[in-house]
Protein backbone atom coordinates (compact mmCIF):
# COMPACT_ATOMS: atom_id res chain seq x y z
CA MET A 1 -29.74 -76.01 -7.90
CA LYS A 2 -26.89 -77.68 -8.27
CA VAL A 3 -25.44 -79.92 -5.18
CA ARG A 4 -21.86 -78.95 -4.24
CA THR A 5 -19.99 -81.38 -2.43
CA GLN A 6 -17.23 -79.28 -1.70
CA ASP A 7 -16.84 -75.25 -0.59
CA VAL A 8 -14.51 -73.37 -2.84
CA PHE A 9 -12.98 -71.30 0.43
CA GLU A 10 -12.24 -74.59 2.67
CA THR A 11 -11.00 -76.36 -0.87
CA MET A 12 -8.49 -73.13 -1.47
CA HIS A 13 -7.59 -72.52 2.11
CA ALA A 14 -4.33 -74.14 2.05
CA ASP A 15 -3.36 -72.51 -0.97
CA LEU A 16 -4.56 -69.29 -0.30
CA ALA A 17 -2.70 -69.27 2.95
CA HIS A 18 0.53 -69.30 0.92
CA VAL A 19 -0.60 -66.36 -0.64
CA ASP A 20 -0.93 -64.78 2.51
CA ALA A 21 2.46 -65.48 3.87
CA ARG A 22 3.75 -63.71 0.63
CA VAL A 23 1.68 -60.93 0.78
CA ALA A 24 2.78 -60.50 4.28
CA GLN A 25 6.59 -60.89 3.50
CA ALA A 26 6.27 -58.28 0.56
CA ALA A 27 4.19 -55.82 2.78
CA THR A 28 6.85 -55.35 5.62
CA VAL A 29 8.14 -51.88 5.88
CA ASP A 30 11.02 -50.92 7.73
CA PHE A 31 9.13 -48.50 9.99
CA PRO A 32 7.27 -50.05 12.66
CA ILE A 33 4.49 -47.97 13.13
CA VAL A 34 3.70 -47.90 9.39
CA SER A 35 4.44 -51.48 9.27
CA SER A 36 1.73 -52.23 12.06
CA LEU A 37 -0.84 -50.06 10.01
CA VAL A 38 -0.10 -51.89 6.87
CA GLY A 39 -0.01 -55.21 8.47
CA GLU A 40 -3.65 -54.50 9.93
CA ILE A 41 -4.89 -53.63 6.02
CA VAL A 42 -3.25 -56.59 4.59
CA ARG A 43 -4.99 -59.12 7.37
CA ALA A 44 -8.25 -57.20 7.04
CA GLY A 45 -8.62 -58.33 3.02
CA GLY A 46 -11.78 -60.47 3.16
CA LYS A 47 -12.00 -63.14 1.28
CA ARG A 48 -9.03 -62.67 -1.22
CA LEU A 49 -11.40 -63.21 -4.31
CA ARG A 50 -8.51 -61.88 -7.10
CA PRO A 51 -5.93 -64.25 -5.71
CA LEU A 52 -8.65 -67.25 -5.38
CA VAL A 53 -9.50 -66.25 -9.11
CA LEU A 54 -5.89 -66.39 -10.23
CA LEU A 55 -5.18 -69.80 -8.71
CA LEU A 56 -8.33 -71.49 -9.90
CA ALA A 57 -7.71 -70.07 -13.38
CA GLY A 58 -4.49 -71.84 -13.39
CA ARG A 59 -6.02 -74.55 -11.40
CA GLY A 60 -7.66 -76.25 -14.31
CA TYR A 61 -4.71 -76.67 -16.37
CA HIS A 62 -1.03 -77.18 -15.10
CA TYR A 63 -1.00 -76.38 -11.32
CA HIS A 64 2.45 -75.32 -10.36
CA LEU A 65 1.98 -73.72 -7.06
CA GLU A 66 4.91 -71.34 -6.77
CA PRO A 67 4.63 -69.17 -9.81
CA LEU A 68 0.92 -69.04 -9.17
CA VAL A 69 1.08 -68.29 -5.33
CA THR A 70 3.81 -65.14 -6.34
CA ALA A 71 1.50 -63.90 -9.18
CA ALA A 72 -1.51 -64.22 -6.92
CA ALA A 73 0.61 -62.32 -3.99
CA GLY A 74 1.44 -59.54 -6.38
CA VAL A 75 -2.44 -59.03 -7.31
CA GLU A 76 -3.39 -59.04 -3.93
CA LEU A 77 -0.74 -56.35 -3.05
CA LEU A 78 -1.86 -54.33 -6.16
CA HIS A 79 -5.45 -54.35 -5.06
CA THR A 80 -4.32 -53.39 -1.40
CA ALA A 81 -2.13 -50.41 -2.55
CA SER A 82 -4.84 -49.21 -5.03
CA LEU A 83 -7.62 -49.18 -1.96
CA ILE A 84 -4.78 -47.09 0.23
CA HIS A 85 -4.60 -44.57 -2.78
CA ASP A 86 -8.43 -44.72 -3.15
CA ASP A 87 -9.16 -44.01 0.71
CA ASN A 88 -6.24 -41.20 0.38
CA ILE A 89 -8.60 -39.60 -2.23
CA ASP A 90 -11.77 -39.87 -0.87
CA ARG A 91 -10.56 -38.98 2.62
CA ALA A 92 -12.01 -41.88 3.98
CA ALA A 93 -11.64 -42.68 7.95
CA LEU A 94 -12.88 -46.26 7.94
CA ARG A 95 -12.64 -49.60 5.54
CA ARG A 96 -14.02 -52.83 7.04
CA GLY A 97 -14.61 -51.11 10.25
CA LYS A 98 -10.87 -50.33 10.59
CA ALA A 99 -9.42 -47.00 10.42
CA THR A 100 -7.50 -46.34 7.24
CA LEU A 101 -3.79 -45.29 7.19
CA ASN A 102 -4.86 -41.52 6.03
CA SER A 103 -6.70 -41.28 9.30
CA LYS A 104 -3.54 -41.58 11.23
CA LEU A 105 -0.53 -40.41 8.52
CA SER A 106 -0.37 -37.39 6.59
CA SER A 107 -1.39 -37.69 2.93
CA GLY A 108 1.91 -37.80 1.56
CA ALA A 109 2.91 -40.86 3.86
CA VAL A 110 0.17 -42.80 2.73
CA ILE A 111 1.12 -42.13 -1.16
CA LEU A 112 4.18 -43.09 -0.46
CA VAL A 113 2.89 -46.34 1.18
CA GLY A 114 0.86 -47.06 -1.74
CA ASP A 115 3.90 -46.68 -4.13
CA PHE A 116 5.64 -48.90 -1.95
CA LEU A 117 3.25 -51.87 -2.18
CA PHE A 118 2.67 -50.98 -5.78
CA ALA A 119 6.55 -51.50 -6.43
CA GLN A 120 6.32 -54.65 -4.28
CA SER A 121 3.45 -55.96 -6.12
CA ALA A 122 5.24 -55.36 -9.60
CA MET A 123 8.08 -57.19 -8.40
CA LEU A 124 6.21 -60.04 -7.52
CA ALA A 125 4.74 -60.26 -11.14
CA ALA A 126 8.33 -60.11 -12.27
CA ALA A 127 9.47 -62.79 -9.88
CA THR A 128 7.26 -65.25 -11.82
CA GLU A 129 9.87 -64.81 -14.82
CA ASN A 130 7.02 -64.67 -17.18
CA THR A 131 7.12 -61.67 -19.58
CA ARG A 132 3.27 -62.24 -20.48
CA VAL A 133 2.52 -61.82 -16.80
CA VAL A 134 4.05 -58.95 -16.58
CA ALA A 135 2.69 -57.17 -19.54
CA VAL A 136 -0.69 -58.02 -18.33
CA PHE A 137 0.05 -56.93 -14.76
CA ALA A 138 1.09 -53.58 -16.52
CA SER A 139 -1.87 -53.34 -18.53
CA THR A 140 -4.33 -53.76 -15.25
CA LEU A 141 -2.71 -51.39 -13.57
CA GLY A 142 -3.13 -48.78 -16.30
CA ASP A 143 -6.61 -49.48 -16.40
CA ILE A 144 -7.21 -49.31 -12.39
CA CYS A 145 -5.59 -45.92 -12.76
CA ASP A 146 -8.04 -45.13 -15.70
CA GLY A 147 -10.81 -45.97 -13.45
CA GLN A 148 -9.95 -43.88 -10.51
CA LEU A 149 -9.48 -40.95 -12.96
CA ARG A 150 -12.60 -41.42 -14.26
CA GLU A 151 -14.28 -41.65 -10.91
CA MET A 152 -12.52 -38.51 -10.30
CA PHE A 153 -13.57 -36.51 -13.06
CA ASP A 154 -17.08 -38.18 -13.17
CA ALA A 155 -17.63 -37.09 -9.69
CA HIS A 156 -20.84 -35.06 -9.11
CA ARG A 157 -22.22 -35.70 -12.71
CA LEU A 158 -25.75 -36.96 -12.53
CA ASP A 159 -25.84 -37.06 -16.30
CA GLN A 160 -23.46 -39.64 -17.13
CA THR A 161 -24.25 -42.60 -19.13
CA ARG A 162 -24.63 -46.31 -18.21
CA GLU A 163 -21.63 -46.77 -20.77
CA GLU A 164 -19.90 -44.07 -18.73
CA TYR A 165 -20.60 -46.05 -15.55
CA GLU A 166 -19.24 -49.17 -16.80
CA ARG A 167 -16.16 -47.99 -18.56
CA ARG A 168 -15.38 -46.83 -15.10
CA ILE A 169 -16.28 -49.56 -13.06
CA PHE A 170 -14.38 -51.79 -15.52
CA GLY A 171 -11.05 -50.03 -14.90
CA LYS A 172 -11.61 -49.61 -10.97
CA THR A 173 -12.69 -52.98 -10.15
CA ALA A 174 -13.30 -55.62 -12.96
CA SER A 175 -9.80 -54.87 -14.74
CA LEU A 176 -8.03 -56.68 -11.69
CA PHE A 177 -10.37 -59.46 -11.89
CA ALA A 178 -9.90 -60.05 -15.30
CA GLY A 179 -6.39 -59.73 -15.40
CA ALA A 180 -5.91 -62.07 -12.37
CA ALA A 181 -7.79 -64.86 -14.32
CA GLU A 182 -5.72 -64.16 -17.62
CA MET A 183 -2.53 -64.27 -15.78
CA GLY A 184 -3.64 -67.59 -13.81
CA ALA A 185 -4.60 -69.00 -16.93
CA ILE A 186 -1.30 -68.11 -18.55
CA LEU A 187 0.72 -69.62 -16.06
CA GLY A 188 -1.24 -72.51 -15.79
CA GLY A 189 -0.43 -73.15 -19.67
CA ALA A 190 -3.94 -73.24 -21.14
CA PRO A 191 -4.79 -72.65 -24.61
CA GLU A 192 -5.22 -69.35 -26.17
CA SER A 193 -8.77 -69.61 -26.65
CA ASP A 194 -8.96 -70.74 -22.97
CA ILE A 195 -7.00 -67.81 -21.77
CA GLN A 196 -9.39 -65.44 -23.53
CA ALA A 197 -12.48 -67.15 -22.00
CA LEU A 198 -11.24 -66.79 -18.61
CA ARG A 199 -10.21 -63.16 -18.92
CA ASP A 200 -13.97 -62.64 -20.14
CA TYR A 201 -15.02 -64.90 -16.99
CA GLY A 202 -13.10 -62.26 -14.46
CA ALA A 203 -14.18 -59.31 -16.39
CA HIS A 204 -17.92 -59.96 -16.22
CA LEU A 205 -17.48 -61.29 -12.33
CA GLY A 206 -15.65 -58.04 -11.75
CA LEU A 207 -18.55 -56.11 -13.27
CA ALA A 208 -20.96 -58.18 -11.15
CA PHE A 209 -18.82 -57.54 -8.00
CA GLN A 210 -18.62 -53.72 -8.34
CA ILE A 211 -22.54 -53.36 -9.15
CA MET A 212 -23.05 -55.22 -5.97
CA ASP A 213 -20.62 -53.15 -3.84
CA ASP A 214 -22.61 -50.19 -5.22
CA VAL A 215 -25.60 -51.73 -4.16
CA LEU A 216 -24.49 -52.59 -0.74
CA ASP A 217 -23.16 -48.90 -0.32
CA LEU A 218 -27.10 -47.90 -0.35
CA ARG A 219 -28.74 -51.22 0.81
CA GLU A 220 -26.90 -52.01 4.16
CA ASP A 221 -26.24 -49.85 7.51
CA THR A 222 -22.99 -48.59 8.81
CA ALA A 223 -22.45 -51.46 11.10
CA GLU A 224 -22.44 -54.08 7.99
CA LEU A 225 -20.56 -52.12 5.87
CA GLY A 226 -17.38 -50.98 8.15
CA LYS A 227 -17.85 -47.41 6.52
CA PRO A 228 -20.70 -44.88 6.31
CA ALA A 229 -24.10 -45.90 4.48
CA GLY A 230 -24.34 -43.98 1.33
CA ASN A 231 -20.86 -43.01 1.16
CA ASP A 232 -20.70 -42.87 -2.87
CA LEU A 233 -23.27 -40.31 -2.57
CA ARG A 234 -21.04 -38.22 0.17
CA GLN A 235 -18.33 -38.16 -2.33
CA GLY A 236 -20.46 -37.27 -5.29
CA THR A 237 -19.66 -40.73 -6.80
CA VAL A 238 -22.69 -41.73 -9.54
CA THR A 239 -23.76 -45.82 -9.36
CA LEU A 240 -26.11 -47.57 -11.03
CA PRO A 241 -28.76 -47.78 -8.39
CA THR A 242 -28.65 -44.00 -8.28
CA MET A 243 -28.92 -43.76 -11.93
CA LEU A 244 -31.73 -46.10 -12.21
CA TYR A 245 -33.45 -44.20 -9.39
CA ALA A 246 -32.75 -40.92 -11.04
CA ALA A 247 -34.39 -42.39 -14.33
CA THR A 248 -37.44 -43.04 -12.27
CA LEU A 249 -38.01 -39.29 -11.16
CA PRO A 250 -39.95 -36.65 -12.61
CA ALA A 251 -37.34 -33.57 -13.59
CA ALA A 252 -39.41 -30.95 -12.32
CA SER A 253 -39.95 -32.95 -8.48
CA SER A 254 -38.67 -32.34 -4.99
CA GLU A 255 -36.93 -35.61 -4.90
CA ALA A 256 -35.19 -34.66 -8.16
CA ASP A 257 -34.06 -31.81 -6.50
CA VAL A 258 -32.72 -33.00 -3.35
CA LEU A 259 -30.75 -35.88 -5.64
CA ARG A 260 -29.33 -33.47 -7.81
CA ALA A 261 -28.13 -31.13 -4.48
CA VAL A 262 -26.85 -34.18 -3.12
CA VAL A 263 -24.71 -35.61 -6.13
CA ALA A 264 -23.66 -32.23 -7.03
CA GLY A 265 -22.13 -31.52 -3.30
CA ASP A 266 -24.37 -28.40 -2.52
CA ARG A 267 -26.18 -30.62 0.10
CA ASP A 268 -24.09 -32.65 2.49
CA ASP A 269 -26.14 -32.83 5.43
CA PRO A 270 -26.70 -36.16 6.70
CA ALA A 271 -30.55 -35.14 6.92
CA ALA A 272 -30.47 -34.82 2.90
CA ILE A 273 -28.19 -37.92 2.50
CA ALA A 274 -30.55 -40.17 4.56
CA GLU A 275 -33.49 -38.79 2.65
CA VAL A 276 -32.21 -40.12 -0.70
CA VAL A 277 -31.00 -43.32 0.49
CA ALA A 278 -34.43 -44.06 1.77
CA SER A 279 -36.06 -42.95 -1.37
CA ILE A 280 -33.67 -45.23 -3.24
CA ARG A 281 -34.60 -48.37 -1.47
CA SER A 282 -37.77 -47.74 -1.84
CA SER A 283 -37.94 -47.14 -5.38
CA GLY A 284 -36.89 -50.73 -6.73
CA ALA A 285 -33.52 -49.44 -7.73
CA LEU A 286 -31.70 -51.63 -5.98
CA VAL A 287 -33.66 -54.72 -7.22
CA SER A 288 -33.19 -53.70 -10.85
CA ALA A 289 -29.20 -53.28 -10.13
CA THR A 290 -28.93 -56.55 -8.56
CA ALA A 291 -30.61 -58.30 -11.51
CA VAL A 292 -27.87 -56.47 -14.00
CA ALA A 293 -25.17 -58.01 -11.56
CA GLN A 294 -27.11 -61.42 -11.74
CA SER A 295 -26.74 -60.96 -15.73
CA TYR A 296 -23.00 -60.33 -15.74
CA VAL A 297 -22.58 -63.35 -13.21
CA GLU A 298 -24.62 -65.52 -15.52
CA ARG A 299 -22.11 -64.50 -18.57
CA ALA A 300 -19.07 -65.09 -15.98
CA LYS A 301 -20.30 -68.56 -15.87
CA ALA A 302 -21.17 -69.31 -19.67
CA HIS A 303 -17.41 -68.39 -20.20
CA LEU A 304 -16.32 -71.23 -17.90
CA LEU A 305 -17.73 -73.86 -20.36
CA ALA A 306 -14.31 -73.60 -21.91
CA VAL A 307 -12.45 -74.77 -18.87
CA PRO A 308 -11.67 -78.66 -19.28
CA ASP A 309 -11.73 -79.46 -15.51
CA GLU A 310 -15.38 -79.83 -13.99
CA GLU A 311 -14.17 -79.62 -10.54
CA THR A 312 -12.38 -76.30 -11.14
CA ARG A 313 -15.32 -74.99 -13.32
CA ASP A 314 -17.41 -75.65 -10.27
CA LEU A 315 -15.31 -73.94 -7.92
CA LEU A 316 -15.14 -71.18 -10.11
CA GLU A 317 -18.89 -70.77 -10.46
CA GLN A 318 -18.86 -70.64 -6.71
CA VAL A 319 -16.75 -67.82 -6.61
CA ALA A 320 -19.38 -66.02 -9.23
CA ASP A 321 -22.37 -66.88 -7.35
CA PHE A 322 -20.58 -65.30 -3.79
CA ALA A 323 -19.82 -62.00 -5.55
CA LEU A 324 -23.68 -61.88 -6.00
CA ALA A 325 -24.75 -63.08 -2.57
CA ARG A 326 -22.24 -61.21 -0.18
CA SER A 327 -23.96 -58.95 2.20
CA THR A 328 -20.55 -56.72 2.93
């Protein structure tokens, strides 16, 4: 096991504080009640992994902090805006234990707040004055929308393929990690081959992150998640653990019947959902899905061989390890 002399979150704390300040400034809304709610969401943003990846991707080359902080703040706001829209679509009442905007505002108001933050994030990307960064930002936004649409139209389909699942989670989650790493490398002046390697690192990191998110949705309880356990099942969203569990069931079995009914939305009672969650937990599907996430982490780390700075490589490896080891 590698002995590490520094922690990535401690090392990058001061730079991430600059990102937080830019995010808070850009997320300010003129309406006090809305501004307060948005501020709570921004402050509850967790470890800031996406801006962290962007900063680190630039750190290994020419670390000009101002444009990197600006782009990183844009990435974090883009992430926040997508979560606001996602919660509105899912009609989710809680995220990270906090009330969502749509639990307090009308659907129309929530969509407009999300749109405002999307616009602010785009303005931050433009403020880097790097047309290539703006192009990557725009492409990433398109990928996120594609992922959300696929999640919406693939809902309640137990027969979807692994390829369909991975394409969906690339758009929904991994595209922003990939775009963040690419933008950071561009702003750092990395060679073209390194820019591509760091984008691939971000993509595989993001896939691992989302698979672990899907595992946690079924493995942890509501108190740890800050939202109802098994929420994906309630929404009819079929994730990798559920797919792996379904593959173990005889088609003509009571377990398969209950799973199909829950995914289809024909049964949404707590007892049925709890039964499926318990069955998935005991089936080995969570262990198998975690192994898939581990394989993506290893692939992400392999791309870091291109990064010339050893310290930065180590910090990026830590981010990949965190994506696998997190509990919420």
